[in-house]
Protein backbone atom coordinates (compact mmCIF):
# COMPACT_ATOMS: atom_id res chain seq x y z
CA MET A 1 4.51 -20.82 15.28
CA THR A 2 7.32 -21.54 17.73
CA ASP A 3 10.18 -19.35 18.86
CA ALA A 4 12.63 -21.79 17.28
CA LYS A 5 10.84 -21.39 13.96
CA ALA A 6 11.13 -17.63 14.23
CA ARG A 7 14.88 -17.93 14.88
CA THR A 8 15.62 -20.19 11.88
CA GLY A 9 13.63 -18.08 9.45
CA GLU A 10 10.86 -15.50 9.32
CA VAL A 11 7.10 -15.49 9.16
CA LEU A 12 5.54 -12.23 8.01
CA TYR A 13 2.06 -10.81 7.89
CA VAL A 14 1.79 -8.38 4.96
CA SER A 15 -1.35 -6.24 4.96
CA THR A 16 -2.98 -4.45 2.06
CA LEU A 17 -6.02 -2.28 1.36
CA PRO A 18 -9.41 -3.97 0.98
CA GLY A 19 -9.83 -5.22 -2.58
CA LEU A 20 -6.09 -5.35 -3.37
CA GLU A 21 -5.47 -8.85 -2.00
CA PRO A 22 -5.24 -10.43 -5.51
CA ALA A 23 -2.73 -7.77 -6.57
CA LEU A 24 -0.58 -8.40 -3.49
CA GLU A 25 -0.69 -12.15 -4.10
CA ALA A 26 0.42 -11.64 -7.71
CA GLU A 27 3.34 -9.51 -6.56
CA ALA A 28 4.41 -12.07 -3.98
CA ARG A 29 4.21 -14.83 -6.59
CA GLU A 30 6.39 -12.84 -9.00
CA ARG A 31 9.00 -12.29 -6.28
CA GLY A 32 9.07 -16.05 -5.63
CA LEU A 33 7.73 -15.70 -2.09
CA SER A 34 6.08 -18.59 -0.26
CA PHE A 35 2.74 -17.29 1.01
CA ARG A 36 -0.88 -17.98 1.81
CA ARG A 37 -3.84 -15.62 1.86
CA VAL A 38 -5.11 -14.56 5.27
CA GLU A 39 -7.58 -11.93 6.38
CA GLY A 40 -6.46 -8.52 5.12
CA GLY A 41 -3.36 -9.67 3.26
CA ILE A 42 -0.93 -12.58 3.07
CA GLU A 43 1.32 -14.53 5.39
CA CYS A 44 4.82 -15.21 4.04
CA GLU A 45 7.52 -17.56 5.23
CA GLY A 46 11.18 -17.46 4.26
CA PRO A 47 14.78 -16.88 5.28
CA SER A 48 16.16 -14.20 7.56
CA GLY A 49 15.87 -10.78 5.94
CA LEU A 50 12.57 -11.57 4.20
CA HIS A 51 11.02 -8.53 5.90
CA GLN A 52 13.57 -6.29 4.15
CA THR A 53 12.66 -7.74 0.75
CA ALA A 54 8.93 -7.34 1.38
CA ASN A 55 9.23 -3.71 2.48
CA LEU A 56 11.51 -2.83 -0.40
CA HIS A 57 9.67 -4.50 -3.27
CA LEU A 58 5.93 -5.03 -2.62
CA ARG A 59 4.08 -2.11 -4.22
CA THR A 60 0.61 -2.92 -2.91
CA ALA A 61 1.62 -3.77 0.67
CA SER A 62 0.43 -1.43 3.42
CA ARG A 63 2.63 -2.75 6.20
CA VAL A 64 4.96 -5.68 6.96
CA LEU A 65 4.77 -7.33 10.38
CA LEU A 66 7.34 -9.81 11.65
CA ARG A 67 5.73 -12.61 13.67
CA LEU A 68 7.49 -12.99 17.02
CA GLY A 69 5.37 -15.87 18.30
CA SER A 70 1.97 -17.27 19.26
CA PHE A 71 0.85 -18.80 22.54
CA THR A 72 -2.21 -19.67 24.61
CA ALA A 73 -2.96 -17.47 27.62
CA PRO A 74 -6.36 -17.74 29.36
CA THR A 75 -5.30 -15.44 32.24
CA ALA A 76 -3.27 -12.30 32.81
CA ASP A 77 -0.52 -14.31 34.52
CA ALA A 78 -0.32 -16.67 31.55
CA LEU A 79 -0.19 -13.67 29.23
CA VAL A 80 2.84 -12.31 31.13
CA ARG A 81 4.57 -15.69 30.87
CA GLY A 82 3.87 -15.90 27.14
CA LEU A 83 5.22 -12.42 26.53
CA GLU A 84 8.36 -13.19 28.54
CA ARG A 85 9.19 -16.11 26.21
CA LEU A 86 9.08 -14.06 22.99
CA PRO A 87 12.40 -13.45 21.16
CA MET A 88 12.48 -9.69 21.72
CA SER A 89 16.23 -9.15 21.58
CA GLY A 90 16.32 -9.02 17.78
CA VAL A 91 13.79 -6.20 17.52
CA TRP A 92 14.14 -4.25 20.78
CA ASP A 93 17.13 -3.07 22.79
CA GLY A 94 15.18 -2.92 26.04
CA GLN A 95 15.55 0.86 26.25
CA ALA A 96 13.56 2.43 23.41
CA PRO A 97 9.89 3.36 23.96
CA LEU A 98 7.48 0.51 23.34
CA ARG A 99 4.09 0.96 21.67
CA LEU A 100 1.40 -1.73 21.53
CA SER A 101 -1.49 -1.90 19.09
CA VAL A 102 -3.94 -4.34 20.68
CA SER A 103 -6.74 -6.02 18.74
CA LEU A 104 -9.18 -8.51 20.26
CA HIS A 105 -11.34 -10.86 18.19
CA ARG A 106 -13.96 -13.02 19.88
CA SER A 107 -11.66 -12.88 22.86
CA VAL A 108 -12.71 -13.61 26.42
CA ALA A 109 -9.13 -13.05 27.54
CA PRO A 110 -7.85 -9.88 29.29
CA GLY A 111 -8.58 -6.56 27.61
CA PRO A 112 -6.22 -3.91 26.17
CA ALA A 113 -5.42 -2.31 29.54
CA VAL A 114 -4.35 -5.68 30.97
CA VAL A 115 -2.20 -6.30 27.85
CA LEU A 116 -0.32 -3.06 28.50
CA GLU A 117 0.13 -3.96 32.17
CA SER A 118 1.33 -7.46 31.22
CA ALA A 119 3.87 -6.02 28.77
CA ALA A 120 5.14 -3.67 31.48
CA VAL A 121 5.66 -6.64 33.81
CA ALA A 122 7.15 -8.99 31.19
CA TRP A 123 9.61 -6.59 29.59
CA ASN A 124 10.04 -3.75 32.11
CA PRO A 125 10.19 -1.09 29.36
CA ARG A 126 11.22 2.48 30.04
CA GLU A 127 7.94 3.52 28.43
CA VAL A 128 4.94 1.52 27.15
CA ALA A 129 1.82 2.97 25.57
CA GLY A 130 -1.15 1.95 23.49
CA THR A 131 -1.57 3.12 19.93
CA GLY A 132 -4.37 3.35 17.38
CA HIS A 133 -4.95 1.30 14.23
CA LEU A 134 -1.45 0.45 13.10
CA ASP A 135 -1.90 1.06 9.36
CA GLU A 136 -2.82 4.69 10.09
CA GLU A 137 0.01 5.37 12.52
CA GLY A 138 3.18 7.19 11.57
CA ALA A 139 6.58 6.01 12.70
CA GLY A 140 7.87 7.35 15.97
CA PRO A 141 10.87 6.49 18.11
CA GLY A 142 10.93 2.99 19.55
CA LEU A 143 9.25 -0.29 18.63
CA THR A 144 5.61 -0.89 17.73
CA LEU A 145 4.12 -4.33 18.39
CA LEU A 146 0.77 -5.65 17.22
CA VAL A 147 -0.78 -7.87 19.89
CA ARG A 148 -3.74 -9.87 18.60
CA GLY A 149 -5.96 -11.88 20.92
CA GLU A 150 -8.43 -14.41 19.54
CA GLY A 151 -10.11 -16.38 22.29
CA GLU A 152 -7.26 -17.58 24.48
CA ARG A 153 -4.76 -17.49 21.59
CA TRP A 154 -2.35 -14.58 21.31
CA THR A 155 -0.08 -13.58 18.42
CA VAL A 156 2.57 -10.88 18.75
CA SER A 157 4.22 -9.21 15.74
CA ALA A 158 6.77 -6.42 15.32
CA ASP A 159 6.15 -3.60 12.87
CA THR A 160 9.07 -3.55 10.44
CA SER A 161 7.75 -0.75 8.20
CA GLY A 162 7.35 2.33 10.36
CA GLU A 163 5.53 4.87 8.22
CA PRO A 164 2.81 3.13 6.15
CA LEU A 165 4.24 1.83 2.90
CA HIS A 166 2.16 4.11 0.70
CA GLN A 167 4.51 6.87 1.84
CA ARG A 168 7.12 6.26 -0.86
CA GLY A 169 8.98 9.52 -0.32
CA TYR A 170 8.31 11.32 -3.60
CA ARG A 171 4.81 12.69 -2.97
CA GLN A 172 5.47 15.60 -0.65
CA GLU A 173 2.56 17.52 -2.19
CA VAL A 174 -0.95 16.28 -2.92
CA GLY A 175 -4.04 17.56 -4.67
CA ARG A 176 -7.51 18.00 -3.25
CA ALA A 177 -8.39 14.29 -3.45
CA PRO A 178 -5.17 12.31 -3.06
CA LEU A 179 -5.02 8.64 -3.94
CA ARG A 180 -2.70 6.44 -1.90
CA GLU A 181 0.31 5.24 -3.83
CA THR A 182 -0.42 1.64 -2.84
CA LEU A 183 -3.98 1.92 -4.12
CA ALA A 184 -2.85 3.48 -7.39
CA SER A 185 -0.31 0.70 -7.90
CA GLY A 186 -2.89 -1.95 -7.02
CA ILE A 187 -5.40 -0.55 -9.50
CA LEU A 188 -2.79 -0.62 -12.25
CA ARG A 189 -1.93 -4.23 -11.44
CA LEU A 190 -5.58 -5.33 -11.28
CA ALA A 191 -6.01 -3.70 -14.69
CA GLY A 192 -3.23 -5.92 -16.04
CA TYR A 193 -0.72 -3.11 -16.41
CA ALA A 194 2.89 -4.28 -16.58
CA GLY A 195 4.60 -1.08 -17.69
CA ASP A 196 4.88 -2.26 -21.30
CA VAL A 197 2.12 -0.18 -22.91
CA PRO A 198 1.41 3.58 -22.90
CA LEU A 199 -0.41 4.99 -19.88
CA VAL A 200 -2.74 7.99 -19.92
CA ASP A 201 -4.49 9.71 -17.01
CA PRO A 202 -6.99 12.31 -18.29
CA MET A 203 -7.55 13.74 -14.77
CA CYS A 204 -4.08 13.23 -13.33
CA GLY A 205 -4.14 15.56 -10.31
CA SER A 206 -0.86 15.16 -8.41
CA GLY A 207 0.27 12.41 -10.80
CA THR A 208 0.18 9.36 -8.53
CA PHE A 209 -1.05 6.91 -11.17
CA LEU A 210 1.60 8.09 -13.60
CA VAL A 211 4.52 7.95 -11.19
CA GLU A 212 3.51 4.49 -9.98
CA GLY A 213 3.11 3.36 -13.59
CA ALA A 214 6.52 4.80 -14.47
CA TRP A 215 8.18 2.93 -11.60
CA MET A 216 6.46 -0.29 -12.70
CA SER A 217 7.74 0.28 -16.23
CA GLN A 218 11.25 0.91 -14.88
CA ARG A 219 11.03 -2.11 -12.56
CA ARG A 220 12.01 0.27 -9.81
CA ALA A 221 11.49 -0.95 -6.24
CA PRO A 222 8.98 1.31 -4.43
CA GLY A 223 10.98 1.44 -1.19
CA LEU A 224 14.23 2.90 -2.50
CA LEU A 225 13.54 6.50 -1.40
CA ARG A 226 12.54 5.88 2.21
CA ALA A 227 13.63 4.47 5.56
CA PHE A 228 12.00 1.65 7.54
CA ALA A 229 11.49 0.77 11.19
CA PHE A 230 13.63 -2.37 10.90
CA GLN A 231 16.71 -0.18 10.42
CA SER A 232 16.59 0.58 14.15
CA PHE A 233 16.34 -3.10 15.23
CA PRO A 234 19.32 -4.46 17.21
CA SER A 235 19.51 -7.33 14.69
CA PHE A 236 19.66 -4.98 11.68
CA ASP A 237 22.36 -6.08 9.24
CA LYS A 238 23.35 -2.90 7.49
CA ALA A 239 25.66 -4.62 5.01
CA ALA A 240 22.93 -7.07 3.94
CA TRP A 241 20.49 -4.19 3.56
CA GLU A 242 22.89 -2.23 1.38
CA ARG A 243 23.33 -5.31 -0.82
CA ARG A 244 19.56 -5.63 -1.22
CA ARG A 245 19.25 -1.97 -2.11
CA ALA A 246 22.10 -2.21 -4.61
CA GLU A 247 20.50 -5.26 -6.24
CA ALA A 248 17.18 -3.42 -6.49
CA GLU A 249 18.83 -0.36 -8.02
CA GLY A 250 20.62 -2.63 -10.47
CA GLU A 251 17.29 -4.13 -11.60
CA ALA A 252 15.80 -0.72 -12.37
CA LEU A 253 15.89 0.80 -15.84
CA ALA A 254 17.05 4.38 -16.30
CA GLU A 255 13.78 5.43 -17.96
CA PRO A 256 10.26 3.99 -18.35
CA ARG A 257 9.85 1.73 -21.36
CA VAL A 258 6.69 3.53 -22.53
CA ALA A 259 5.12 6.97 -22.79
CA LEU A 260 3.20 8.25 -19.75
CA ARG A 261 0.87 11.19 -20.28
CA GLY A 262 -1.23 13.15 -17.84
CA TYR A 263 -3.83 15.86 -18.42
CA ASP A 264 -5.70 18.18 -16.10
CA LEU A 265 -7.53 21.50 -16.30
CA ASN A 266 -6.02 22.63 -13.00
CA ALA A 267 -2.63 24.25 -13.60
CA GLY A 268 -1.78 24.01 -9.91
CA ALA A 269 -2.36 20.25 -9.92
CA LEU A 270 -0.08 19.87 -12.94
CA GLY A 271 2.62 21.82 -11.14
CA THR A 272 2.32 19.45 -8.18
CA ALA A 273 2.51 16.45 -10.52
CA ARG A 274 5.67 17.82 -12.14
CA ARG A 275 7.38 18.31 -8.79
CA ASN A 276 6.33 14.86 -7.55
CA ALA A 277 7.62 13.28 -10.76
CA LYS A 278 10.94 15.10 -10.38
CA ARG A 279 11.34 13.82 -6.82
CA ALA A 280 10.51 10.32 -8.09
CA GLY A 281 13.14 10.64 -10.82
CA VAL A 282 10.73 9.98 -13.70
CA THR A 283 9.87 11.82 -16.90
CA LEU A 284 6.18 12.44 -17.61
CA THR A 285 4.37 14.34 -20.35
CA LEU A 286 1.93 16.66 -18.57
CA GLU A 287 -0.46 19.05 -20.34
CA ARG A 288 -3.34 21.28 -19.41
CA HIS A 289 -6.33 19.98 -21.36
CA ASP A 290 -10.09 19.54 -21.09
CA LEU A 291 -11.03 15.88 -21.08
CA ARG A 292 -14.02 16.66 -23.33
CA THR A 293 -11.76 17.38 -26.29
CA LEU A 294 -8.95 15.01 -25.42
CA LYS A 295 -7.55 12.79 -28.17
CA ALA A 296 -5.69 9.53 -27.72
CA PRO A 297 -1.92 9.90 -28.22
CA PRO A 298 -0.34 8.20 -31.22
CA GLU A 299 1.64 5.68 -29.16
CA GLY A 300 -1.44 3.65 -28.22
CA PRO A 301 -3.50 1.76 -27.65
CA GLY A 302 -2.59 1.19 -24.03
CA LEU A 303 -4.27 1.80 -20.69
CA VAL A 304 -6.23 4.89 -19.66
CA VAL A 305 -6.71 5.21 -15.92
CA ALA A 306 -8.64 7.79 -13.90
CA ASN A 307 -9.76 8.72 -10.42
CA PRO A 308 -12.64 11.15 -11.17
CA PRO A 309 -14.10 13.37 -8.42
CA TYR A 310 -16.56 11.96 -5.89
CA GLY A 311 -19.36 13.96 -4.32
CA LYS A 312 -17.86 13.51 -0.85
CA ARG A 313 -14.39 14.47 -2.02
CA VAL A 314 -14.42 17.46 -4.35
CA GLY A 315 -16.98 19.35 -6.36
CA GLU A 316 -20.74 19.50 -6.01
CA ALA A 317 -22.60 16.21 -6.18
CA GLU A 318 -25.21 17.58 -8.60
CA ASP A 319 -22.52 18.44 -11.15
CA LEU A 320 -20.94 15.01 -11.21
CA PRO A 321 -23.29 13.16 -13.63
CA ASP A 322 -22.44 15.64 -16.42
CA LEU A 323 -18.72 15.23 -15.73
CA TYR A 324 -19.01 11.45 -15.75
CA ARG A 325 -20.97 11.51 -19.01
CA ALA A 326 -18.24 13.67 -20.56
CA LEU A 327 -15.54 11.32 -19.30
CA GLY A 328 -17.46 8.32 -20.63
CA ALA A 329 -17.87 9.97 -24.03
CA THR A 330 -14.11 10.50 -24.29
CA LEU A 331 -13.33 6.97 -23.17
CA ASN A 332 -15.85 5.43 -25.55
CA GLY A 333 -14.80 7.75 -28.37
CA ALA A 334 -11.17 8.80 -28.64
CA PHE A 335 -10.02 5.95 -26.38
CA ARG A 336 -12.39 3.25 -27.62
CA ASP A 337 -9.48 0.91 -28.49
CA TRP A 338 -7.75 1.41 -25.14
CA ARG A 339 -8.20 -0.58 -21.96
CA LYS A 340 -9.80 1.43 -19.15
CA ALA A 341 -9.46 1.39 -15.37
CA LEU A 342 -11.47 3.81 -13.23
CA ILE A 343 -12.00 4.03 -9.50
CA VAL A 344 -15.44 5.52 -8.88
CA PRO A 345 -17.89 5.74 -5.98
CA ASP A 346 -20.33 2.87 -5.61
CA GLU A 347 -23.18 5.03 -6.88
CA PRO A 348 -25.33 3.51 -9.68
CA ARG A 349 -26.19 6.85 -11.31
CA LEU A 350 -22.53 7.81 -11.75
CA VAL A 351 -21.53 4.36 -12.97
CA ALA A 352 -24.38 4.47 -15.48
CA ALA A 353 -23.38 7.97 -16.62
CA LEU A 354 -20.00 6.63 -17.76
CA GLY A 355 -21.64 4.23 -20.21
CA LEU A 356 -18.82 1.68 -20.05
CA LYS A 357 -20.55 -1.43 -21.37
CA ASP A 358 -19.56 -4.82 -19.98
CA ALA A 359 -17.11 -3.28 -17.50
CA ARG A 360 -16.04 -5.58 -14.70
CA ARG A 361 -16.70 -4.22 -11.21
CA LEU A 362 -14.34 -4.93 -8.34
CA PRO A 363 -15.08 -3.56 -4.84
CA VAL A 364 -12.31 -1.41 -3.34
CA LYS A 365 -12.05 1.30 -0.70
CA ASN A 366 -10.51 4.74 -1.05
CA GLY A 367 -10.03 6.64 2.17
CA GLY A 368 -12.72 4.55 3.82
CA LEU A 369 -15.25 5.19 1.04
CA ARG A 370 -16.85 2.23 -0.70
CA CYS A 371 -15.80 2.39 -4.35
CA LEU A 372 -15.75 0.31 -7.50
CA LEU A 373 -12.85 -0.38 -9.80
CA LEU A 374 -14.30 -0.48 -13.31
CA LEU A 375 -12.23 -2.44 -15.83
CA ALA A 376 -13.22 -2.33 -19.50
CA GLY A 377 -11.72 -3.16 -22.88
CA GLY A 378 -8.87 -5.42 -23.86
């Protein structure tokens, strides 16, 4: 990548959670983006403003990074020279605090401390500091750069997202075992959900699956309720951004096209789900009900999705097999004609307790835990 290339268009790195790469690719394809798969996500290339589109529309993206340039630097002096040549004026005013997330891969080049020193020499920032793993960091004042060293090759990218993209803005309350919005959306997409059939969550908790499904059904962009780091860039075109937002709002339907129903025994969780749905601007049917006696609603068949408890998350591990057997009985009974999507721990005894015959198993992670996405029916 050259600086001239960066000026005539944009190259982005869009990250996602492990296991959701196919869902992110499908989204990018539907948006007409030019991309290729890379480690941990996709790399996209397109016109100026592409980073705004990606942040606004990609439901399964974790973060959008704008590539500033790549160069070879075998020494600290060469690293300073490479950093000096980067087109920083579009993303940094030279005054705001500067944060660097440094990652080294098979690199014999200078370490993180030298990268910080080199940045201080190259750009003379008022403040420069290191930061942790970027996907876990919240947005603060200033600019965050990801500096990746691989051997003698360095790539520098600007964070355009700020807060991780799973923070949509509607979920200000969570239950005891929250599921990231990006993961919920990715699970729905991997299950083939397109918002055109009824959706049921028999253990809905704070309602994340249902809200994400409702937005998919409405064709509502996931980034409409929040702000992004790129809005503080010197190159930010406010008028262009307002046009993109207006176009996205114009694409959205007033209501979901299908029924979305959630059930839970915990009245407090249902209250949280109702408030989250209200903030998201969607209408859900939420009822207190035991999954053991749950019946499929008349609108079906459709998709039933669930995120049952894990031993490391909530509940006692010894009680889980009975719960999973009860869930499996309901899915194989009242919901036998429905498609199913469940995220469960990678524990053979619990998977077996569900009794979902011929279910496909896709590896995913939830909060760092190794899990399986079970897809059955349809």
